Amino acid sequence: PTRGAEHHSMAVTHLSGCVQPKQEWLAQMRAGQFGCH
């Protein structure tokens, strides 16, 4: 989910094990660093 039903402290853990705050991850999505086809 990119907006709406997330807790303010939601975090994303990547395959690498890197834990990233939701807002930082979403900023990278918006910047095109991750693209789901």
All heavy atoms as atom14 arrays in JSON, in Angstrom:
{
  "sequence": "PTRGAEHHSMAVTHLSGCVQPKQEWLAQMRAGQFGCH",
  "atom14_mask": [
    [1, 1, 1, 1, 1, 1, 1, 0, 0, 0, 0, 0, 0, 0],
    [1, 1, 1, 1, 1, 1, 1, 0, 0, 0, 0, 0, 0, 0],
    [1, 1, 1, 1, 1, 1, 1, 1, 1, 1, 1, 0, 0, 0],
    [1, 1, 1, 1, 0, 0, 0, 0, 0, 0, 0, 0, 0, 0],
    [1, 1, 1, 1, 1, 0, 0, 0, 0, 0, 0, 0, 0, 0],
    [1, 1, 1, 1, 1, 1, 1, 1, 1, 0, 0, 0, 0, 0],
    [1, 1, 1, 1, 1, 1, 1, 1, 1, 1, 0, 0, 0, 0],
    [1, 1, 1, 1, 1, 1, 1, 1, 1, 1, 0, 0, 0, 0],
    [1, 1, 1, 1, 1, 1, 0, 0, 0, 0, 0, 0, 0, 0],
    [1, 1, 1, 1, 1, 1, 1, 1, 0, 0, 0, 0, 0, 0],
    [1, 1, 1, 1, 1, 0, 0, 0, 0, 0, 0, 0, 0, 0],
    [1, 1, 1, 1, 1, 1, 1, 0, 0, 0, 0, 0, 0, 0],
    [1, 1, 1, 1, 1, 1, 1, 0, 0, 0, 0, 0, 0, 0],
    [1, 1, 1, 1, 1, 1, 1, 1, 1, 1, 0, 0, 0, 0],
    [1, 1, 1, 1, 1, 1, 1, 1, 0, 0, 0, 0, 0, 0],
    [1, 1, 1, 1, 1, 1, 0, 0, 0, 0, 0, 0, 0, 0],
    [1, 1, 1, 1, 0, 0, 0, 0, 0, 0, 0, 0, 0, 0],
    [1, 1, 1, 1, 1, 1, 0, 0, 0, 0, 0, 0, 0, 0],
    [1, 1, 1, 1, 1, 1, 1, 0, 0, 0, 0, 0, 0, 0],
    [1, 1, 1, 1, 1, 1, 1, 1, 1, 0, 0, 0, 0, 0],
    [1, 1, 1, 1, 1, 1, 1, 0, 0, 0, 0, 0, 0, 0],
    [1, 1, 1, 1, 1, 1, 1, 1, 1, 0, 0, 0, 0, 0],
    [1, 1, 1, 1, 1, 1, 1, 1, 1, 0, 0, 0, 0, 0],
    [1, 1, 1, 1, 1, 1, 1, 1, 1, 0, 0, 0, 0, 0],
    [1, 1, 1, 1, 1, 1, 1, 1, 1, 1, 1, 1, 1, 1],
    [1, 1, 1, 1, 1, 1, 1, 1, 0, 0, 0, 0, 0, 0],
    [1, 1, 1, 1, 1, 0, 0, 0, 0, 0, 0, 0, 0, 0],
    [1, 1, 1, 1, 1, 1, 1, 1, 1, 0, 0, 0, 0, 0],
    [1, 1, 1, 1, 1, 1, 1, 1, 0, 0, 0, 0, 0, 0],
    [1, 1, 1, 1, 1, 1, 1, 1, 1, 1, 1, 0, 0, 0],
    [1, 1, 1, 1, 1, 0, 0, 0, 0, 0, 0, 0, 0, 0],
    [1, 1, 1, 1, 0, 0, 0, 0, 0, 0, 0, 0, 0, 0],
    [1, 1, 1, 1, 1, 1, 1, 1, 1, 0, 0, 0, 0, 0],
    [1, 1, 1, 1, 1, 1, 1, 1, 1, 1, 1, 0, 0, 0],
    [1, 1, 1, 1, 0, 0, 0, 0, 0, 0, 0, 0, 0, 0],
    [1, 1, 1, 1, 1, 1, 0, 0, 0, 0, 0, 0, 0, 0],
    [1, 1, 1, 1, 1, 1, 1, 1, 1, 1, 0, 0, 0, 0]
  ],
  "atom14_positions": [
    [[0.84, -1.2, 0.0], [0.0, 0.0, 0.0], [0.87, 1.25, 0.0], [1.84, 1.34, 0.74], [-0.79, -0.11, 1.31], [-0.73, -1.54, 1.69], [0.57, -2.06, 1.13], [0.0, 0.0, 0.0], [0.0, 0.0, 0.0], [0.0, 0.0, 0.0], [0.0, 0.0, 0.0], [0.0, 0.0, 0.0], [0.0, 0.0, 0.0], [0.0, 0.0, 0.0]],
    [[0.52, 2.23, -0.83], [1.32, 3.45, -0.9], [0.69, 4.61, -0.16], [1.31, 5.63, 0.04], [1.56, 3.86, -2.37], [0.31, 3.99, -3.02], [2.42, 2.83, -3.07], [0.0, 0.0, 0.0], [0.0, 0.0, 0.0], [0.0, 0.0, 0.0], [0.0, 0.0, 0.0], [0.0, 0.0, 0.0], [0.0, 0.0, 0.0], [0.0, 0.0, 0.0]],
    [[-0.54, 4.49, 0.24], [-1.16, 5.52, 1.07], [-2.43, 4.95, 1.67], [-3.04, 4.03, 1.12], [-1.43, 6.78, 0.28], [-2.4, 6.62, -0.87], [-2.56, 7.95, -1.6], [-3.26, 7.78, -2.85], [-2.71, 7.42, -3.99], [-1.45, 7.17, -4.05], [-3.42, 7.29, -5.08], [0.0, 0.0, 0.0], [0.0, 0.0, 0.0], [0.0, 0.0, 0.0]],
    [[-2.77, 5.48, 2.8], [-4.04, 5.07, 3.4], [-3.86, 4.2, 4.62], [-3.71, 4.71, 5.72], [0.0, 0.0, 0.0], [0.0, 0.0, 0.0], [0.0, 0.0, 0.0], [0.0, 0.0, 0.0], [0.0, 0.0, 0.0], [0.0, 0.0, 0.0], [0.0, 0.0, 0.0], [0.0, 0.0, 0.0], [0.0, 0.0, 0.0], [0.0, 0.0, 0.0]],
    [[-3.86, 2.91, 4.44], [-4.0, 2.0, 5.57], [-2.67, 1.48, 6.12], [-2.48, 0.3, 6.29], [-4.91, 0.84, 5.18], [0.0, 0.0, 0.0], [0.0, 0.0, 0.0], [0.0, 0.0, 0.0], [0.0, 0.0, 0.0], [0.0, 0.0, 0.0], [0.0, 0.0, 0.0], [0.0, 0.0, 0.0], [0.0, 0.0, 0.0], [0.0, 0.0, 0.0]],
    [[-1.72, 2.37, 6.38], [-0.47, 1.96, 7.0], [-0.32, 2.68, 8.32], [-0.76, 3.8, 8.49], [0.76, 2.31, 6.15], [0.7, 1.97, 4.72], [0.16, 3.12, 3.9], [0.34, 4.28, 4.25], [-0.48, 2.82, 2.89], [0.0, 0.0, 0.0], [0.0, 0.0, 0.0], [0.0, 0.0, 0.0], [0.0, 0.0, 0.0], [0.0, 0.0, 0.0]],
    [[0.34, 2.03, 9.24], [0.71, 2.66, 10.5], [1.82, 3.66, 10.2], [2.65, 3.43, 9.31], [1.17, 1.6, 11.49], [1.32, 2.12, 12.87], [2.51, 2.64, 13.31], [0.44, 2.22, 13.89], [2.37, 3.03, 14.56], [1.12, 2.79, 14.95], [0.0, 0.0, 0.0], [0.0, 0.0, 0.0], [0.0, 0.0, 0.0], [0.0, 0.0, 0.0]],
    [[1.88, 4.76, 10.93], [2.89, 5.79, 10.66], [4.31, 5.26, 10.79], [5.23, 5.8, 10.17], [2.68, 7.0, 11.58], [2.85, 6.69, 13.03], [4.07, 6.69, 13.65], [1.95, 6.33, 13.98], [3.92, 6.36, 14.91], [2.63, 6.14, 15.14], [0.0, 0.0, 0.0], [0.0, 0.0, 0.0], [0.0, 0.0, 0.0], [0.0, 0.0, 0.0]],
    [[4.51, 4.19, 11.55], [5.87, 3.66, 11.73], [6.16, 2.44, 10.84], [7.15, 1.76, 11.05], [6.1, 3.28, 13.2], [5.25, 2.2, 13.55], [0.0, 0.0, 0.0], [0.0, 0.0, 0.0], [0.0, 0.0, 0.0], [0.0, 0.0, 0.0], [0.0, 0.0, 0.0], [0.0, 0.0, 0.0], [0.0, 0.0, 0.0], [0.0, 0.0, 0.0]],
    [[5.31, 2.21, 9.84], [5.51, 1.05, 8.97], [6.92, 1.05, 8.38], [7.45, 2.09, 8.02], [4.5, 1.04, 7.83], [4.65, -0.15, 6.91], [3.52, -0.08, 5.52], [4.11, -1.46, 4.57], [0.0, 0.0, 0.0], [0.0, 0.0, 0.0], [0.0, 0.0, 0.0], [0.0, 0.0, 0.0], [0.0, 0.0, 0.0], [0.0, 0.0, 0.0]],
    [[7.52, -0.14, 8.28], [8.84, -0.3, 7.69], [8.81, -1.42, 6.66], [7.98, -2.33, 6.74], [9.88, -0.62, 8.76], [0.0, 0.0, 0.0], [0.0, 0.0, 0.0], [0.0, 0.0, 0.0], [0.0, 0.0, 0.0], [0.0, 0.0, 0.0], [0.0, 0.0, 0.0], [0.0, 0.0, 0.0], [0.0, 0.0, 0.0], [0.0, 0.0, 0.0]],
    [[9.71, -1.34, 5.7], [9.85, -2.33, 4.64], [11.22, -2.99, 4.81], [12.23, -2.3, 4.92], [9.75, -1.66, 3.25], [9.99, -2.67, 2.15], [8.41, -0.97, 3.08], [0.0, 0.0, 0.0], [0.0, 0.0, 0.0], [0.0, 0.0, 0.0], [0.0, 0.0, 0.0], [0.0, 0.0, 0.0], [0.0, 0.0, 0.0], [0.0, 0.0, 0.0]],
    [[11.24, -4.33, 4.85], [12.51, -5.06, 4.9], [12.74, -5.68, 3.54], [11.94, -6.47, 3.05], [12.48, -6.16, 5.99], [12.18, -5.55, 7.25], [13.82, -6.87, 6.07], [0.0, 0.0, 0.0], [0.0, 0.0, 0.0], [0.0, 0.0, 0.0], [0.0, 0.0, 0.0], [0.0, 0.0, 0.0], [0.0, 0.0, 0.0], [0.0, 0.0, 0.0]],
    [[13.84, -5.31, 2.91], [14.17, -5.76, 1.56], [14.84, -7.14, 1.58], [15.24, -7.64, 2.63], [15.11, -4.74, 0.9], [14.49, -3.4, 0.73], [13.69, -3.09, -0.34], [14.52, -2.3, 1.52], [13.28, -1.83, -0.23], [13.76, -1.34, 0.89], [0.0, 0.0, 0.0], [0.0, 0.0, 0.0], [0.0, 0.0, 0.0], [0.0, 0.0, 0.0]],
    [[14.98, -7.72, 0.39], [15.65, -9.02, 0.26], [17.04, -9.0, 0.87], [17.51, -10.0, 1.4], [15.77, -9.42, -1.22], [14.48, -9.71, -1.97], [14.79, -9.95, -3.44], [13.75, -10.87, -1.37], [0.0, 0.0, 0.0], [0.0, 0.0, 0.0], [0.0, 0.0, 0.0], [0.0, 0.0, 0.0], [0.0, 0.0, 0.0], [0.0, 0.0, 0.0]],
    [[17.69, -7.87, 0.83], [19.04, -7.73, 1.36], [19.08, -7.71, 2.88], [20.14, -7.8, 3.49], [19.66, -6.42, 0.86], [18.93, -5.31, 1.41], [0.0, 0.0, 0.0], [0.0, 0.0, 0.0], [0.0, 0.0, 0.0], [0.0, 0.0, 0.0], [0.0, 0.0, 0.0], [0.0, 0.0, 0.0], [0.0, 0.0, 0.0], [0.0, 0.0, 0.0]],
    [[17.9, -7.56, 3.5], [17.82, -7.44, 4.95], [17.78, -6.0, 5.41], [17.57, -5.72, 6.59], [0.0, 0.0, 0.0], [0.0, 0.0, 0.0], [0.0, 0.0, 0.0], [0.0, 0.0, 0.0], [0.0, 0.0, 0.0], [0.0, 0.0, 0.0], [0.0, 0.0, 0.0], [0.0, 0.0, 0.0], [0.0, 0.0, 0.0], [0.0, 0.0, 0.0]],
    [[17.97, -5.08, 4.5], [17.91, -3.65, 4.82], [16.49, -3.29, 5.26], [15.53, -3.61, 4.57], [18.31, -2.84, 3.59], [18.1, -1.07, 3.78], [0.0, 0.0, 0.0], [0.0, 0.0, 0.0], [0.0, 0.0, 0.0], [0.0, 0.0, 0.0], [0.0, 0.0, 0.0], [0.0, 0.0, 0.0], [0.0, 0.0, 0.0], [0.0, 0.0, 0.0]],
    [[16.37, -2.64, 6.41], [15.08, -2.17, 6.91], [14.97, -0.69, 6.61], [15.86, 0.09, 6.94], [14.93, -2.42, 8.43], [13.59, -1.9, 8.93], [15.09, -3.9, 8.74], [0.0, 0.0, 0.0], [0.0, 0.0, 0.0], [0.0, 0.0, 0.0], [0.0, 0.0, 0.0], [0.0, 0.0, 0.0], [0.0, 0.0, 0.0], [0.0, 0.0, 0.0]],
    [[13.87, -0.31, 5.95], [13.72, 1.05, 5.48], [12.37, 1.62, 5.93], [11.34, 0.96, 5.78], [13.81, 1.03, 3.96], [13.93, 2.36, 3.3], [14.2, 2.2, 1.82], [13.72, 1.27, 1.17], [14.95, 3.11, 1.26], [0.0, 0.0, 0.0], [0.0, 0.0, 0.0], [0.0, 0.0, 0.0], [0.0, 0.0, 0.0], [0.0, 0.0, 0.0]],
    [[12.34, 2.84, 6.47], [11.07, 3.46, 6.81], [10.19, 3.63, 5.56], [10.71, 3.87, 4.46], [11.47, 4.83, 7.37], [12.9, 4.7, 7.75], [13.48, 3.68, 6.8], [0.0, 0.0, 0.0], [0.0, 0.0, 0.0], [0.0, 0.0, 0.0], [0.0, 0.0, 0.0], [0.0, 0.0, 0.0], [0.0, 0.0, 0.0], [0.0, 0.0, 0.0]],
    [[8.9, 3.51, 5.75], [7.95, 3.59, 4.64], [8.16, 4.84, 3.79], [8.2, 4.75, 2.56], [6.52, 3.55, 5.19], [5.46, 3.74, 4.12], [4.09, 3.92, 4.72], [3.96, 5.31, 5.27], [2.61, 5.7, 5.62], [0.0, 0.0, 0.0], [0.0, 0.0, 0.0], [0.0, 0.0, 0.0], [0.0, 0.0, 0.0], [0.0, 0.0, 0.0]],
    [[8.28, 6.0, 4.4], [8.37, 7.25, 3.63], [9.63, 7.28, 2.75], [9.58, 7.75, 1.62], [8.33, 8.46, 4.57], [6.99, 8.65, 5.24], [5.84, 8.79, 4.25], [5.99, 9.31, 3.14], [4.67, 8.31, 4.63], [0.0, 0.0, 0.0], [0.0, 0.0, 0.0], [0.0, 0.0, 0.0], [0.0, 0.0, 0.0], [0.0, 0.0, 0.0]],
    [[10.73, 6.76, 3.27], [11.96, 6.71, 2.47], [11.8, 5.78, 1.28], [12.2, 6.09, 0.16], [13.1, 6.23, 3.37], [14.45, 6.2, 2.71], [15.52, 5.72, 3.68], [15.7, 6.35, 4.74], [16.16, 4.69, 3.37], [0.0, 0.0, 0.0], [0.0, 0.0, 0.0], [0.0, 0.0, 0.0], [0.0, 0.0, 0.0], [0.0, 0.0, 0.0]],
    [[11.19, 4.62, 1.52], [10.96, 3.65, 0.44], [10.04, 4.24, -0.62], [10.29, 4.11, -1.82], [10.4, 2.36, 1.02], [10.18, 1.3, 0.0], [11.12, 0.51, -0.58], [8.93, 0.91, -0.57], [10.54, -0.36, -1.48], [9.2, -0.13, -1.48], [7.62, 1.33, -0.38], [8.2, -0.73, -2.21], [6.62, 0.71, -1.11], [6.92, -0.31, -2.02]],
    [[8.96, 4.91, -0.19], [8.03, 5.5, -1.15], [8.7, 6.6, -1.97], [8.44, 6.73, -3.16], [6.8, 6.05, -0.43], [5.88, 5.0, 0.16], [4.76, 5.66, 0.96], [5.31, 4.1, -0.91], [0.0, 0.0, 0.0], [0.0, 0.0, 0.0], [0.0, 0.0, 0.0], [0.0, 0.0, 0.0], [0.0, 0.0, 0.0], [0.0, 0.0, 0.0]],
    [[9.58, 7.36, -1.36], [10.32, 8.39, -2.09], [11.18, 7.75, -3.19], [11.27, 8.27, -4.3], [11.18, 9.21, -1.13], [0.0, 0.0, 0.0], [0.0, 0.0, 0.0], [0.0, 0.0, 0.0], [0.0, 0.0, 0.0], [0.0, 0.0, 0.0], [0.0, 0.0, 0.0], [0.0, 0.0, 0.0], [0.0, 0.0, 0.0], [0.0, 0.0, 0.0]],
    [[11.79, 6.6, -2.88], [12.58, 5.9, -3.89], [11.68, 5.35, -5.0], [12.08, 5.36, -6.17], [13.38, 4.77, -3.25], [14.52, 5.26, -2.41], [15.33, 4.14, -1.8], [14.83, 3.05, -1.57], [16.59, 4.42, -1.52], [0.0, 0.0, 0.0], [0.0, 0.0, 0.0], [0.0, 0.0, 0.0], [0.0, 0.0, 0.0], [0.0, 0.0, 0.0]],
    [[10.49, 4.9, -4.65], [9.53, 4.43, -5.67], [9.18, 5.6, -6.6], [9.21, 5.45, -7.82], [8.26, 3.88, -5.03], [8.42, 2.6, -4.26], [8.57, 1.16, -5.31], [6.92, 1.02, -5.92], [0.0, 0.0, 0.0], [0.0, 0.0, 0.0], [0.0, 0.0, 0.0], [0.0, 0.0, 0.0], [0.0, 0.0, 0.0], [0.0, 0.0, 0.0]],
    [[8.85, 6.74, -6.02], [8.49, 7.91, -6.83], [9.64, 8.37, -7.71], [9.42, 8.9, -8.79], [8.03, 9.05, -5.91], [6.68, 8.8, -5.29], [6.21, 10.01, -4.48], [5.2, 9.57, -3.55], [5.41, 9.33, -2.25], [6.59, 9.52, -1.72], [4.42, 8.92, -1.49], [0.0, 0.0, 0.0], [0.0, 0.0, 0.0], [0.0, 0.0, 0.0]],
    [[10.87, 8.19, -7.24], [12.05, 8.6, -8.0], [12.42, 7.59, -9.09], [13.35, 7.81, -9.86], [13.24, 8.79, -7.05], [0.0, 0.0, 0.0], [0.0, 0.0, 0.0], [0.0, 0.0, 0.0], [0.0, 0.0, 0.0], [0.0, 0.0, 0.0], [0.0, 0.0, 0.0], [0.0, 0.0, 0.0], [0.0, 0.0, 0.0], [0.0, 0.0, 0.0]],
    [[11.7, 6.47, -9.15], [11.94, 5.48, -10.2], [13.03, 4.47, -9.89], [13.47, 3.75, -10.78], [0.0, 0.0, 0.0], [0.0, 0.0, 0.0], [0.0, 0.0, 0.0], [0.0, 0.0, 0.0], [0.0, 0.0, 0.0], [0.0, 0.0, 0.0], [0.0, 0.0, 0.0], [0.0, 0.0, 0.0], [0.0, 0.0, 0.0], [0.0, 0.0, 0.0]],
    [[13.47, 4.38, -8.64], [14.51, 3.41, -8.3], [13.98, 1.99, -8.26], [14.74, 1.04, -8.38], [15.16, 3.78, -6.98], [15.97, 5.04, -7.08], [16.62, 5.43, -5.77], [16.45, 4.78, -4.75], [17.38, 6.5, -5.79], [0.0, 0.0, 0.0], [0.0, 0.0, 0.0], [0.0, 0.0, 0.0], [0.0, 0.0, 0.0], [0.0, 0.0, 0.0]],
    [[12.67, 1.84, -8.08], [12.01, 0.54, -8.11], [10.83, 0.68, -9.06], [10.06, 1.63, -8.96], [11.47, 0.15, -6.72], [12.53, 0.03, -5.67], [12.81, 1.09, -4.83], [13.25, -1.14, -5.52], [13.78, 0.99, -3.85], [14.22, -1.25, -4.54], [14.48, -0.18, -3.71], [0.0, 0.0, 0.0], [0.0, 0.0, 0.0], [0.0, 0.0, 0.0]],
    [[10.67, -0.26, -9.97], [9.54, -0.23, -10.89], [8.96, -1.62, -11.06], [9.66, -2.56, -11.41], [0.0, 0.0, 0.0], [0.0, 0.0, 0.0], [0.0, 0.0, 0.0], [0.0, 0.0, 0.0], [0.0, 0.0, 0.0], [0.0, 0.0, 0.0], [0.0, 0.0, 0.0], [0.0, 0.0, 0.0], [0.0, 0.0, 0.0], [0.0, 0.0, 0.0]],
    [[7.68, -1.74, -10.77], [7.01, -3.03, -10.88], [6.23, -3.07, -12.19], [5.37, -2.23, -12.43], [6.07, -3.21, -9.68], [5.28, -4.82, -9.65], [0.0, 0.0, 0.0], [0.0, 0.0, 0.0], [0.0, 0.0, 0.0], [0.0, 0.0, 0.0], [0.0, 0.0, 0.0], [0.0, 0.0, 0.0], [0.0, 0.0, 0.0], [0.0, 0.0, 0.0]],
    [[6.56, -4.04, -13.05], [5.91, -4.14, -14.35], [4.76, -5.15, -14.35], [3.76, -4.95, -15.03], [6.94, -4.51, -15.42], [8.03, -3.5, -15.52], [7.87, -2.3, -16.17], [9.29, -3.48, -15.0], [8.98, -1.59, -16.08], [9.85, -2.28, -15.38], [0.0, 0.0, 0.0], [0.0, 0.0, 0.0], [0.0, 0.0, 0.0], [0.0, 0.0, 0.0]]
  ]
}
